[in-house]
PDB file of N, CA and C in Angstrom:
ATOM      1  N   MET A   1     -47.664  57.843  97.970  1.00  0.00           N
ATOM      2  CA  MET A   1     -46.610  57.395  97.089  1.00  0.00           C
ATOM      3  C   MET A   1     -46.807  58.092  95.737  1.00  0.00           C
ATOM      4  N   SER A   2     -45.737  58.560  95.180  1.00  0.00           N
ATOM      5  CA  SER A   2     -45.841  59.301  93.927  1.00  0.00           C
ATOM      6  C   SER A   2     -46.100  58.361  92.753  1.00  0.00           C
ATOM      7  N   ASN A   3     -46.624  58.938  91.696  1.00  0.00           N
ATOM      8  CA  ASN A   3     -46.894  58.148  90.487  1.00  0.00           C
ATOM      9  C   ASN A   3     -45.604  57.560  89.922  1.00  0.00           C
ATOM     10  N   ARG A   4     -44.518  58.295  90.036  1.00  0.00           N
ATOM     11  CA  ARG A   4     -43.242  57.811  89.508  1.00  0.00           C
ATOM     12  C   ARG A   4     -42.790  56.558  90.258  1.00  0.00           C
ATOM     13  N   ARG A   5     -42.900  56.566  91.577  1.00  0.00           N
ATOM     14  CA  ARG A   5     -42.498  55.393  92.369  1.00  0.00           C
ATOM     15  C   ARG A   5     -43.380  54.191  92.062  1.00  0.00           C
ATOM     16  N   ARG A   6     -44.654  54.417  91.891  1.00  0.00           N
ATOM     17  CA  ARG A   6     -45.563  53.326  91.548  1.00  0.00           C
ATOM     18  C   ARG A   6     -45.205  52.735  90.185  1.00  0.00           C
ATOM     19  N   LEU A   7     -44.911  53.607  89.247  1.00  0.00           N
ATOM     20  CA  LEU A   7     -44.524  53.150  87.917  1.00  0.00           C
ATOM     21  C   LEU A   7     -43.210  52.357  87.988  1.00  0.00           C
ATOM     22  N   GLU A   8     -42.242  52.861  88.749  1.00  0.00           N
ATOM     23  CA  GLU A   8     -40.968  52.148  88.900  1.00  0.00           C
ATOM     24  C   GLU A   8     -41.182  50.772  89.517  1.00  0.00           C
ATOM     25  N   ARG A   9     -42.018  50.710  90.546  1.00  0.00           N
ATOM     26  CA  ARG A   9     -42.297  49.435  91.199  1.00  0.00           C
ATOM     27  C   ARG A   9     -43.011  48.476  90.254  1.00  0.00           C
ATOM     28  N   LEU A  10     -43.972  48.983  89.492  1.00  0.00           N
ATOM     29  CA  LEU A  10     -44.684  48.162  88.524  1.00  0.00           C
ATOM     30  C   LEU A  10     -43.715  47.616  87.468  1.00  0.00           C
ATOM     31  N   LEU A  11     -42.875  48.479  86.935  1.00  0.00           N
ATOM     32  CA  LEU A  11     -41.906  48.042  85.930  1.00  0.00           C
ATOM     33  C   LEU A  11     -40.933  47.013  86.491  1.00  0.00           C
ATOM     34  N   ARG A  12     -40.449  47.225  87.683  1.00  0.00           N
ATOM     35  CA  ARG A  12     -39.525  46.277  88.319  1.00  0.00           C
ATOM     36  C   ARG A  12     -40.193  44.925  88.514  1.00  0.00           C
ATOM     37  N   THR A  13     -41.438  44.926  88.966  1.00  0.00           N
ATOM     38  CA  THR A  13     -42.189  43.688  89.170  1.00  0.00           C
ATOM     39  C   THR A  13     -42.386  42.944  87.848  1.00  0.00           C
ATOM     40  N   LYS A  14     -42.766  43.671  86.813  1.00  0.00           N
ATOM     41  CA  LYS A  14     -42.998  43.058  85.501  1.00  0.00           C
ATOM     42  C   LYS A  14     -41.694  42.535  84.908  1.00  0.00           C
ATOM     43  N   LEU A  15     -40.609  43.261  85.052  1.00  0.00           N
ATOM     44  CA  LEU A  15     -39.319  42.805  84.538  1.00  0.00           C
ATOM     45  C   LEU A  15     -38.836  41.568  85.281  1.00  0.00           C
ATOM     46  N   ASN A  16     -39.028  41.523  86.597  1.00  0.00           N
ATOM     47  CA  ASN A  16     -38.652  40.332  87.368  1.00  0.00           C
ATOM     48  C   ASN A  16     -39.456  39.115  86.918  1.00  0.00           C
ATOM     49  N   ALA A  17     -40.750  39.312  86.715  1.00  0.00           N
ATOM     50  CA  ALA A  17     -41.602  38.208  86.263  1.00  0.00           C
ATOM     51  C   ALA A  17     -41.180  37.729  84.878  1.00  0.00           C
ATOM     52  N   ALA A  18     -40.875  38.658  83.995  1.00  0.00           N
ATOM     53  CA  ALA A  18     -40.428  38.284  82.646  1.00  0.00           C
ATOM     54  C   ALA A  18     -39.105  37.534  82.718  1.00  0.00           C
ATOM     55  N   GLY A  19     -38.207  37.957  83.577  1.00  0.00           N
ATOM     56  CA  GLY A  19     -36.926  37.279  83.745  1.00  0.00           C
ATOM     57  C   GLY A  19     -37.104  35.857  84.252  1.00  0.00           C
ATOM     58  N   GLN A  20     -38.013  35.675  85.189  1.00  0.00           N
ATOM     59  CA  GLN A  20     -38.278  34.338  85.722  1.00  0.00           C
ATOM     60  C   GLN A  20     -38.880  33.436  84.639  1.00  0.00           C
ATOM     61  N   GLN A  21     -39.805  33.963  83.852  1.00  0.00           N
ATOM     62  CA  GLN A  21     -40.400  33.174  82.765  1.00  0.00           C
ATOM     63  C   GLN A  21     -39.337  32.785  81.741  1.00  0.00           C
ATOM     64  N   PHE A  22     -38.435  33.717  81.442  1.00  0.00           N
ATOM     65  CA  PHE A  22     -37.368  33.434  80.493  1.00  0.00           C
ATOM     66  C   PHE A  22     -36.472  32.312  81.014  1.00  0.00           C
ATOM     67  N   GLU A  23     -36.099  32.362  82.278  1.00  0.00           N
ATOM     68  CA  GLU A  23     -35.247  31.323  82.862  1.00  0.00           C
ATOM     69  C   GLU A  23     -35.943  29.970  82.857  1.00  0.00           C
ATOM     70  N   GLU A  24     -37.235  29.940  83.152  1.00  0.00           N
ATOM     71  CA  GLU A  24     -37.985  28.681  83.118  1.00  0.00           C
ATOM     72  C   GLU A  24     -38.030  28.116  81.695  1.00  0.00           C
ATOM     73  N   ALA A  25     -38.257  28.981  80.720  1.00  0.00           N
ATOM     74  CA  ALA A  25     -38.297  28.534  79.329  1.00  0.00           C
ATOM     75  C   ALA A  25     -36.923  28.039  78.887  1.00  0.00           C
ATOM     76  N   LYS A  26     -35.887  28.742  79.289  1.00  0.00           N
ATOM     77  CA  LYS A  26     -34.529  28.342  78.928  1.00  0.00           C
ATOM     78  C   LYS A  26     -34.184  26.983  79.532  1.00  0.00           C
ATOM     79  N   ARG A  27     -34.585  26.762  80.779  1.00  0.00           N
ATOM     80  CA  ARG A  27     -34.328  25.482  81.454  1.00  0.00           C
ATOM     81  C   ARG A  27     -35.113  24.352  80.783  1.00  0.00           C
ATOM     82  N   ALA A  28     -36.370  24.612  80.435  1.00  0.00           N
ATOM     83  CA  ALA A  28     -37.183  23.594  79.764  1.00  0.00           C
ATOM     84  C   ALA A  28     -36.595  23.258  78.400  1.00  0.00           C
ATOM     85  N   TYR A  29     -36.107  24.259  77.681  1.00  0.00           N
ATOM     86  CA  TYR A  29     -35.488  24.016  76.378  1.00  0.00           C
ATOM     87  C   TYR A  29     -34.229  23.164  76.540  1.00  0.00           C
ATOM     88  N   ALA A  30     -33.398  23.508  77.515  1.00  0.00           N
ATOM     89  CA  ALA A  30     -32.166  22.746  77.746  1.00  0.00           C
ATOM     90  C   ALA A  30     -32.480  21.306  78.142  1.00  0.00           C
ATOM     91  N   ASP A  31     -33.505  21.123  78.987  1.00  0.00           N
ATOM     92  CA  ASP A  31     -33.902  19.772  79.391  1.00  0.00           C
ATOM     93  C   ASP A  31     -34.376  18.960  78.187  1.00  0.00           C
ATOM     94  N   ALA A  32     -35.202  19.574  77.351  1.00  0.00           N
ATOM     95  CA  ALA A  32     -35.716  18.868  76.178  1.00  0.00           C
ATOM     96  C   ALA A  32     -34.589  18.542  75.199  1.00  0.00           C
ATOM     97  N   LYS A  33     -33.666  19.467  75.035  1.00  0.00           N
ATOM     98  CA  LYS A  33     -32.541  19.238  74.124  1.00  0.00           C
ATOM     99  C   LYS A  33     -31.669  18.086  74.629  1.00  0.00           C
ATOM    100  N   ALA A  34     -31.381  18.072  75.933  1.00  0.00           N
ATOM    101  CA  ALA A  34     -30.558  17.000  76.498  1.00  0.00           C
ATOM    102  C   ALA A  34     -31.273  15.660  76.385  1.00  0.00           C
ATOM    103  N   ALA A  35     -32.567  15.645  76.647  1.00  0.00           N
ATOM    104  CA  ALA A  35     -33.326  14.399  76.559  1.00  0.00           C
ATOM    105  C   ALA A  35     -33.391  13.915  75.119  1.00  0.00           C
ATOM    106  N   THR A  36     -33.529  14.839  74.194  1.00  0.00           N
ATOM    107  CA  THR A  36     -33.562  14.465  72.785  1.00  0.00           C
ATOM    108  C   THR A  36     -32.215  13.908  72.365  1.00  0.00           C
ATOM    109  N   THR A  37     -31.140  14.521  72.860  1.00  0.00           N
ATOM    110  CA  THR A  37     -29.802  14.027  72.558  1.00  0.00           C
ATOM    111  C   THR A  37     -29.662  12.595  73.039  1.00  0.00           C
ATOM    112  N   ALA A  38     -30.230  12.297  74.196  1.00  0.00           N
ATOM    113  CA  ALA A  38     -30.172  10.943  74.733  1.00  0.00           C
ATOM    114  C   ALA A  38     -31.269  10.066  74.133  1.00  0.00           C
ATOM    115  N   ASP A  39     -32.121  10.648  73.269  1.00  0.00           N
ATOM    116  CA  ASP A  39     -33.214   9.939  72.613  1.00  0.00           C
ATOM    117  C   ASP A  39     -34.174   9.311  73.621  1.00  0.00           C
ATOM    118  N   LEU A  40     -34.624  10.131  74.566  1.00  0.00           N
ATOM    119  CA  LEU A  40     -35.550   9.681  75.600  1.00  0.00           C
ATOM    120  C   LEU A  40     -36.898  10.373  75.423  1.00  0.00           C
ATOM    121  N   PRO A  41     -37.995   9.691  75.771  1.00  0.00           N
ATOM    122  CA  PRO A  41     -39.292  10.370  75.741  1.00  0.00           C
ATOM    123  C   PRO A  41     -39.330  11.435  76.828  1.00  0.00           C
ATOM    124  N   THR A  42     -40.076  12.502  76.571  1.00  0.00           N
ATOM    125  CA  THR A  42     -40.130  13.611  77.526  1.00  0.00           C
ATOM    126  C   THR A  42     -41.567  13.930  77.923  1.00  0.00           C
ATOM    127  N   ASP A  43     -41.698  14.620  79.052  1.00  0.00           N
ATOM    128  CA  ASP A  43     -43.000  15.107  79.470  1.00  0.00           C
ATOM    129  C   ASP A  43     -43.213  16.496  78.864  1.00  0.00           C
ATOM    130  N   ASP A  44     -44.291  17.166  79.239  1.00  0.00           N
ATOM    131  CA  ASP A  44     -44.619  18.478  78.683  1.00  0.00           C
ATOM    132  C   ASP A  44     -43.604  19.553  79.055  1.00  0.00           C
ATOM    133  N   ASP A  45     -42.831  19.330  80.110  1.00  0.00           N
ATOM    134  CA  ASP A  45     -41.831  20.298  80.540  1.00  0.00           C
ATOM    135  C   ASP A  45     -40.440  19.989  79.990  1.00  0.00           C
ATOM    136  N   GLY A  46     -40.340  18.985  79.127  1.00  0.00           N
ATOM    137  CA  GLY A  46     -39.060  18.656  78.520  1.00  0.00           C
ATOM    138  C   GLY A  46     -38.168  17.743  79.346  1.00  0.00           C
ATOM    139  N   ARG A  47     -38.697  17.225  80.441  1.00  0.00           N
ATOM    140  CA  ARG A  47     -37.906  16.312  81.280  1.00  0.00           C
ATOM    141  C   ARG A  47     -38.028  14.887  80.755  1.00  0.00           C
ATOM    142  N   ALA A  48     -36.937  14.148  80.859  1.00  0.00           N
ATOM    143  CA  ALA A  48     -36.926  12.758  80.397  1.00  0.00           C
ATOM    144  C   ALA A  48     -37.777  11.893  81.318  1.00  0.00           C
ATOM    145  N   ARG A  49     -38.536  10.993  80.721  1.00  0.00           N
ATOM    146  CA  ARG A  49     -39.384  10.069  81.488  1.00  0.00           C
ATOM    147  C   ARG A  49     -38.658   8.733  81.577  1.00  0.00           C
ATOM    148  N   ILE A  50     -38.032   8.495  82.725  1.00  0.00           N
ATOM    149  CA  ILE A  50     -37.277   7.255  82.928  1.00  0.00           C
ATOM    150  C   ILE A  50     -37.812   6.502  84.132  1.00  0.00           C
ATOM    151  N   VAL A  51     -37.430   5.230  84.223  1.00  0.00           N
ATOM    152  CA  VAL A  51     -37.734   4.437  85.408  1.00  0.00           C
ATOM    153  C   VAL A  51     -36.437   4.366  86.208  1.00  0.00           C
ATOM    154  N   CYS A  52     -36.478   4.912  87.404  1.00  0.00           N
ATOM    155  CA  CYS A  52     -35.304   4.976  88.271  1.00  0.00           C
ATOM    156  C   CYS A  52     -34.932   3.572  88.740  1.00  0.00           C
ATOM    157  N   ARG A  53     -33.695   3.180  88.483  1.00  0.00           N
ATOM    158  CA  ARG A  53     -33.232   1.859  88.913  1.00  0.00           C
ATOM    159  C   ARG A  53     -33.046   1.803  90.422  1.00  0.00           C
ATOM    160  N   ARG A  54     -32.618   2.909  90.988  1.00  0.00           N
ATOM    161  CA  ARG A  54     -32.323   2.943  92.423  1.00  0.00           C
ATOM    162  C   ARG A  54     -33.584   2.809  93.265  1.00  0.00           C
ATOM    163  N   HIS A  55     -34.638   3.519  92.873  1.00  0.00           N
ATOM    164  CA  HIS A  55     -35.869   3.535  93.674  1.00  0.00           C
ATOM    165  C   HIS A  55     -37.016   2.775  93.020  1.00  0.00           C
ATOM    166  N   ALA A  56     -36.758   2.221  91.838  1.00  0.00           N
ATOM    167  CA  ALA A  56     -37.773   1.437  91.104  1.00  0.00           C
ATOM    168  C   ALA A  56     -39.087   2.193  90.990  1.00  0.00           C
ATOM    169  N   GLU A  57     -38.983   3.435  90.459  1.00  0.00           N
ATOM    170  CA  GLU A  57     -40.176   4.250  90.275  1.00  0.00           C
ATOM    171  C   GLU A  57     -40.043   5.092  89.016  1.00  0.00           C
ATOM    172  N   LYS A  58     -41.202   5.467  88.459  1.00  0.00           N
ATOM    173  CA  LYS A  58     -41.217   6.340  87.292  1.00  0.00           C
ATOM    174  C   LYS A  58     -40.845   7.748  87.746  1.00  0.00           C
ATOM    175  N   ARG A  59     -39.975   8.404  86.953  1.00  0.00           N
ATOM    176  CA  ARG A  59     -39.568   9.770  87.265  1.00  0.00           C
ATOM    177  C   ARG A  59     -39.474  10.590  85.993  1.00  0.00           C
ATOM    178  N   ALA A  60     -39.784  11.855  86.100  1.00  0.00           N
ATOM    179  CA  ALA A  60     -39.536  12.813  85.031  1.00  0.00           C
ATOM    180  C   ALA A  60     -38.405  13.705  85.540  1.00  0.00           C
ATOM    181  N   VAL A  61     -37.239  13.605  84.889  1.00  0.00           N
ATOM    182  CA  VAL A  61     -36.052  14.307  85.379  1.00  0.00           C
ATOM    183  C   VAL A  61     -35.318  15.000  84.243  1.00  0.00           C
ATOM    184  N   SER A  62     -34.575  16.028  84.605  1.00  0.00           N
ATOM    185  CA  SER A  62     -33.673  16.673  83.657  1.00  0.00           C
ATOM    186  C   SER A  62     -32.488  15.746  83.439  1.00  0.00           C
ATOM    187  N   VAL A  63     -31.971  15.748  82.213  1.00  0.00           N
ATOM    188  CA  VAL A  63     -30.795  14.950  81.884  1.00  0.00           C
ATOM    189  C   VAL A  63     -29.750  15.901  81.319  1.00  0.00           C
ATOM    190  N   ASP A  64     -28.533  15.840  81.861  1.00  0.00           N
ATOM    191  CA  ASP A  64     -27.479  16.732  81.368  1.00  0.00           C
ATOM    192  C   ASP A  64     -26.894  16.192  80.060  1.00  0.00           C
ATOM    193  N   PRO A  65     -26.072  16.968  79.386  1.00  0.00           N
ATOM    194  CA  PRO A  65     -25.517  16.530  78.100  1.00  0.00           C
ATOM    195  C   PRO A  65     -24.705  15.233  78.167  1.00  0.00           C
ATOM    196  N   GLU A  66     -24.212  14.873  79.347  1.00  0.00           N
ATOM    197  CA  GLU A  66     -23.471  13.618  79.499  1.00  0.00           C
ATOM    198  C   GLU A  66     -24.387  12.429  79.762  1.00  0.00           C
ATOM    199  N   GLY A  67     -25.709  12.659  79.762  1.00  0.00           N
ATOM    200  CA  GLY A  67     -26.665  11.574  79.966  1.00  0.00           C
ATOM    201  C   GLY A  67     -26.934  11.253  81.423  1.00  0.00           C
ATOM    202  N   ARG A  68     -26.595  12.167  82.333  1.00  0.00           N
ATOM    203  CA  ARG A  68     -26.835  11.932  83.763  1.00  0.00           C
ATOM    204  C   ARG A  68     -28.141  12.594  84.191  1.00  0.00           C
ATOM    205  N   PRO A  69     -29.080  11.812  84.734  1.00  0.00           N
ATOM    206  CA  PRO A  69     -30.314  12.401  85.271  1.00  0.00           C
ATOM    207  C   PRO A  69     -30.006  13.312  86.461  1.00  0.00           C
ATOM    208  N   ALA A  70     -30.899  14.255  86.728  1.00  0.00           N
ATOM    209  CA  ALA A  70     -30.704  15.196  87.824  1.00  0.00           C
ATOM    210  C   ALA A  70     -30.583  14.493  89.177  1.00  0.00           C
ATOM    211  N   CYS A  71     -31.171  13.314  89.313  1.00  0.00           N
ATOM    212  CA  CYS A  71     -31.131  12.569  90.575  1.00  0.00           C
ATOM    213  C   CYS A  71     -29.879  11.707  90.701  1.00  0.00           C
ATOM    214  N   TYR A  72     -28.974  11.790  89.751  1.00  0.00           N
ATOM    215  CA  TYR A  72     -27.771  10.950  89.699  1.00  0.00           C
ATOM    216  C   TYR A  72     -26.890  11.121  90.935  1.00  0.00           C
ATOM    217  N   ASP A  73     -26.458   9.987  91.493  1.00  0.00           N
ATOM    218  CA  ASP A  73     -25.527   9.953  92.620  1.00  0.00           C
ATOM    219  C   ASP A  73     -24.345   9.081  92.204  1.00  0.00           C
ATOM    220  N   ALA A  74     -23.196   9.707  91.996  1.00  0.00           N
ATOM    221  CA  ALA A  74     -22.008   9.000  91.493  1.00  0.00           C
ATOM    222  C   ALA A  74     -21.568   7.868  92.408  1.00  0.00           C
ATOM    223  N   GLU A  75     -21.942   7.910  93.670  1.00  0.00           N
ATOM    224  CA  GLU A  75     -21.529   6.895  94.629  1.00  0.00           C
ATOM    225  C   GLU A  75     -22.418   5.649  94.613  1.00  0.00           C
ATOM    226  N   HIS A  76     -23.576   5.732  93.974  1.00  0.00           N
ATOM    227  CA  HIS A  76     -24.520   4.617  94.009  1.00  0.00           C
ATOM    228  C   HIS A  76     -24.409   3.767  92.745  1.00  0.00           C
ATOM    229  N   PRO A  77     -24.241   2.447  92.884  1.00  0.00           N
ATOM    230  CA  PRO A  77     -24.068   1.584  91.703  1.00  0.00           C
ATOM    231  C   PRO A  77     -25.285   1.578  90.769  1.00  0.00           C
ATOM    232  N   ASP A  78     -26.492   1.682  91.314  1.00  0.00           N
ATOM    233  CA  ASP A  78     -27.672   1.721  90.447  1.00  0.00           C
ATOM    234  C   ASP A  78     -27.672   2.980  89.589  1.00  0.00           C
ATOM    235  N   CYS A  79     -27.233   4.093  90.156  1.00  0.00           N
ATOM    236  CA  CYS A  79     -27.173   5.349  89.395  1.00  0.00           C
ATOM    237  C   CYS A  79     -26.123   5.258  88.292  1.00  0.00           C
ATOM    238  N   ARG A  80     -24.990   4.671  88.599  1.00  0.00           N
ATOM    239  CA  ARG A  80     -23.960   4.502  87.566  1.00  0.00           C
ATOM    240  C   ARG A  80     -24.477   3.607  86.446  1.00  0.00           C
ATOM    241  N   GLY A  81     -25.194   2.543  86.807  1.00  0.00           N
ATOM    242  CA  GLY A  81     -25.787   1.659  85.799  1.00  0.00           C
ATOM    243  C   GLY A  81     -26.846   2.373  84.973  1.00  0.00           C
ATOM    244  N   CYS A  82     -27.602   3.252  85.609  1.00  0.00           N
ATOM    245  CA  CYS A  82     -28.628   4.019  84.915  1.00  0.00           C
ATOM    246  C   CYS A  82     -27.990   4.889  83.830  1.00  0.00           C
ATOM    247  N   VAL A  83     -26.907   5.579  84.174  1.00  0.00           N
ATOM    248  CA  VAL A  83     -26.229   6.446  83.210  1.00  0.00           C
ATOM    249  C   VAL A  83     -25.685   5.617  82.046  1.00  0.00           C
ATOM    250  N   GLU A  84     -25.143   4.457  82.335  1.00  0.00           N
ATOM    251  CA  GLU A  84     -24.661   3.578  81.268  1.00  0.00           C
ATOM    252  C   GLU A  84     -25.818   3.176  80.352  1.00  0.00           C
ATOM    253  N   ASP A  85     -26.974   2.873  80.948  1.00  0.00           N
ATOM    254  CA  ASP A  85     -28.140   2.493  80.156  1.00  0.00           C
ATOM    255  C   ASP A  85     -28.638   3.653  79.297  1.00  0.00           C
ATOM    256  N   VAL A  86     -28.627   4.887  79.858  1.00  0.00           N
ATOM    257  CA  VAL A  86     -29.040   6.057  79.085  1.00  0.00           C
ATOM    258  C   VAL A  86     -28.114   6.212  77.885  1.00  0.00           C
ATOM    259  N   ARG A  87     -26.823   6.128  78.120  1.00  0.00           N
ATOM    260  CA  ARG A  87     -25.842   6.312  77.033  1.00  0.00           C
ATOM    261  C   ARG A  87     -25.943   5.219  75.973  1.00  0.00           C
ATOM    262  N   ASP A  88     -26.282   4.006  76.388  1.00  0.00           N
ATOM    263  CA  ASP A  88     -26.391   2.886  75.458  1.00  0.00           C
ATOM    264  C   ASP A  88     -27.786   2.747  74.846  1.00  0.00           C
ATOM    265  N   GLY A  89     -28.726   3.600  75.278  1.00  0.00           N
ATOM    266  CA  GLY A  89     -30.081   3.546  74.751  1.00  0.00           C
ATOM    267  C   GLY A  89     -30.904   2.390  75.280  1.00  0.00           C
ATOM    268  N   ARG A  90     -30.549   1.863  76.460  1.00  0.00           N
ATOM    269  CA  ARG A  90     -31.256   0.718  77.035  1.00  0.00           C
ATOM    270  C   ARG A  90     -32.101   1.084  78.245  1.00  0.00           C
ATOM    271  N   ILE A  91     -32.192   2.355  78.608  1.00  0.00           N
ATOM    272  CA  ILE A  91     -32.892   2.765  79.824  1.00  0.00           C
ATOM    273  C   ILE A  91     -34.396   2.488  79.679  1.00  0.00           C
ATOM    274  N   GLU A  92     -35.004   2.032  80.746  1.00  0.00           N
ATOM    275  CA  GLU A  92     -36.456   1.800  80.739  1.00  0.00           C
ATOM    276  C   GLU A  92     -37.158   3.144  80.861  1.00  0.00           C
ATOM    277  N   THR A  93     -38.143   3.375  79.996  1.00  0.00           N
ATOM    278  CA  THR A  93     -38.873   4.638  79.986  1.00  0.00           C
ATOM    279  C   THR A  93     -40.360   4.370  80.115  1.00  0.00           C
ATOM    280  N   TRP A  94     -41.121   5.426  80.229  1.00  0.00           N
ATOM    281  CA  TRP A  94     -42.583   5.323  80.286  1.00  0.00           C
ATOM    282  C   TRP A  94     -43.228   6.401  79.456  1.00  0.00           C
TER     283      TRP A  94
END
């Protein structure tokens, strides 16, 4: 394999890795911003630390700008109640 091909492969690999790191950082920033908007405590990755009403368990989840956790199911009454609690600042956290 020529030196040029090796260099191209190395550069492509490094650029892909940098792109993935950038996307992860961007997602963590968006998660932290959404959680802060909802005034929720967050973990080290910026995910909101809530107690899931549906499954009665502690979860670290992304929250969208409308206050919906990533696990939100519009068809489930506990999930709808959870979103109402997030918006009203009454959600149980840890």
